[in-house]
Amino acid sequence: MAKINFKLRQTQTLNDKFVISPIQSLPLTECDRLPETMGAFLVTNFAQFAYIGSSTNLKKRFDDLNFLEKIQQFETEVAVQSAESKIEVFWIECDRYEVISKIEQQLLAQFNHLTFLQYRSSPNK
């Protein structure tokens, strides 16, 4: 398992207090256990691809069958199917969308060596 290590720098636009959780993870097959909170997420097999995004409700985002099918289809096209390429969902909960945007930027920088299925910053899903 790869170690995620990034720093979140506070800027002038983030002067107010905010709450941020530690990084949490689940296998994609258990995404029904995601919390109903706002957060940034990374879906990856750490070998070939990643999907980075955010949502105002993580559980609702991963309940979307079209979204899950898109990830699984891309994984099938790009990744070698094996037990070692298991897809994981990593997320960080936060109560401020401005901070989530910063987290997305850092995730994108950390995983720029992978093929991205899609990168979009959209709090509405």
Protein backbone atom coordinates (compact mmCIF):
# COMPACT_ATOMS: atom_id res chain seq x y z
CA MET A 1 0.00 0.00 0.00
CA ALA A 2 1.42 3.38 -0.98
CA LYS A 3 1.82 6.02 1.68
CA ILE A 4 -0.07 9.25 1.10
CA ASN A 5 1.94 12.17 2.39
CA PHE A 6 0.98 15.74 1.62
CA LYS A 7 0.87 19.04 3.44
CA LEU A 8 -2.13 21.35 3.51
CA ARG A 9 -0.98 24.95 3.73
CA GLN A 10 -3.35 27.46 5.23
CA THR A 11 -3.78 30.55 3.07
CA GLN A 12 -5.35 33.92 3.73
CA THR A 13 -8.67 32.66 2.39
CA LEU A 14 -8.71 29.97 5.09
CA ASN A 15 -8.42 32.19 8.16
CA ASP A 16 -11.55 30.76 9.78
CA LYS A 17 -11.38 27.51 11.71
CA PHE A 18 -12.29 24.30 9.93
CA VAL A 19 -12.57 20.63 10.86
CA ILE A 20 -10.66 18.03 8.86
CA SER A 21 -10.57 14.27 9.41
CA PRO A 22 -7.64 11.88 9.10
CA ILE A 23 -7.37 9.99 5.81
CA GLN A 24 -9.70 6.99 5.79
CA SER A 25 -10.06 4.16 3.27
CA LEU A 26 -12.23 1.28 2.14
CA PRO A 27 -12.17 -1.16 -0.77
CA LEU A 28 -14.41 0.11 -3.59
CA THR A 29 -16.61 -2.95 -3.03
CA GLU A 30 -17.49 -1.55 0.42
CA CYS A 31 -18.26 2.03 -0.66
CA ASP A 32 -21.77 1.67 0.79
CA ARG A 33 -20.05 2.25 4.17
CA LEU A 34 -18.90 5.76 3.23
CA PRO A 35 -20.14 8.58 5.48
CA GLU A 36 -22.82 11.06 4.46
CA THR A 37 -20.43 13.98 4.84
CA MET A 38 -18.61 16.45 2.60
CA GLY A 39 -15.12 15.48 1.55
CA ALA A 40 -12.43 14.98 -1.06
CA PHE A 41 -11.74 11.49 -2.37
CA LEU A 42 -9.24 9.43 -4.31
CA VAL A 43 -10.22 6.18 -6.05
CA THR A 44 -7.16 4.23 -7.19
CA ASN A 45 -5.48 0.88 -7.61
CA PHE A 46 -2.10 2.59 -7.02
CA ALA A 47 -0.77 0.93 -10.16
CA GLN A 48 -2.27 2.60 -13.21
CA PHE A 49 -5.18 4.93 -12.57
CA ALA A 50 -6.81 7.38 -10.21
CA TYR A 51 -10.01 9.37 -9.94
CA ILE A 52 -9.92 12.45 -7.72
CA GLY A 53 -13.00 14.39 -6.79
CA SER A 54 -15.13 15.84 -4.05
CA SER A 55 -18.71 15.71 -2.93
CA THR A 56 -21.07 17.35 -0.48
CA ASN A 57 -22.20 13.80 0.39
CA LEU A 58 -19.62 11.04 -0.16
CA LYS A 59 -22.07 8.18 0.33
CA LYS A 60 -24.55 9.64 -2.14
CA ARG A 61 -21.78 10.18 -4.73
CA PHE A 62 -20.74 6.52 -4.55
CA ASP A 63 -24.37 5.33 -4.57
CA ASP A 64 -24.58 6.72 -8.12
CA LEU A 65 -24.43 3.60 -10.31
CA ASN A 66 -23.32 5.54 -13.40
CA PHE A 67 -20.35 6.91 -11.44
CA LEU A 68 -19.36 3.44 -10.18
CA GLU A 69 -19.76 1.86 -13.62
CA LYS A 70 -17.51 4.54 -15.14
CA ILE A 71 -14.76 3.81 -12.61
CA GLN A 72 -15.05 0.05 -13.04
CA GLN A 73 -15.09 0.29 -16.84
CA PHE A 74 -11.99 2.49 -16.86
CA GLU A 75 -10.23 0.16 -14.45
CA THR A 76 -11.00 -2.76 -16.75
CA GLU A 77 -9.66 -0.91 -19.80
CA VAL A 78 -6.45 0.38 -18.17
CA ALA A 79 -5.49 -1.91 -15.33
CA VAL A 80 -4.29 -5.47 -15.28
CA GLN A 81 -6.88 -7.52 -13.47
CA SER A 82 -5.30 -9.19 -10.46
CA ALA A 83 -5.71 -9.43 -6.73
CA GLU A 84 -2.90 -6.90 -6.37
CA SER A 85 -4.74 -4.20 -8.34
CA LYS A 86 -7.68 -3.93 -5.96
CA ILE A 87 -9.43 -0.55 -6.14
CA GLU A 88 -9.45 1.48 -2.93
CA VAL A 89 -11.39 4.61 -1.97
CA PHE A 90 -9.54 7.13 0.21
CA TRP A 91 -11.27 10.18 1.60
CA ILE A 92 -10.82 13.15 3.88
CA GLU A 93 -13.85 14.78 5.45
CA CYS A 94 -13.92 18.54 5.94
CA ASP A 95 -16.58 21.10 6.77
CA ARG A 96 -15.21 23.77 4.38
CA TYR A 97 -15.29 23.29 0.63
CA GLU A 98 -12.40 25.75 0.15
CA VAL A 99 -10.17 23.36 2.11
CA ILE A 100 -11.44 20.37 0.14
CA SER A 101 -10.37 22.11 -3.06
CA LYS A 102 -6.85 22.46 -1.64
CA ILE A 103 -6.84 18.77 -0.70
CA GLU A 104 -7.87 17.85 -4.27
CA GLN A 105 -4.98 19.90 -5.66
CA GLN A 106 -2.52 18.13 -3.38
CA LEU A 107 -3.88 14.69 -4.30
CA LEU A 108 -3.58 15.55 -7.97
CA ALA A 109 0.06 16.57 -7.46
CA GLN A 110 0.87 13.42 -5.48
CA PHE A 111 -0.65 11.02 -8.03
CA ASN A 112 0.31 12.78 -11.27
CA HIS A 113 2.17 9.66 -12.43
CA LEU A 114 -1.12 7.78 -12.84
CA THR A 115 -3.68 7.96 -15.64
CA PHE A 116 -6.63 10.05 -14.53
CA LEU A 117 -10.10 8.85 -15.34
CA GLN A 118 -11.42 12.33 -14.71
CA TYR A 119 -10.53 15.27 -12.54
CA ARG A 120 -13.28 17.62 -11.61
CA SER A 121 -13.94 19.73 -8.62
CA SER A 122 -17.69 19.69 -8.15
CA PRO A 123 -19.29 20.04 -4.72
CA ASN A 124 -22.78 19.39 -6.08
CA LYS A 125 -22.58 15.64 -6.49
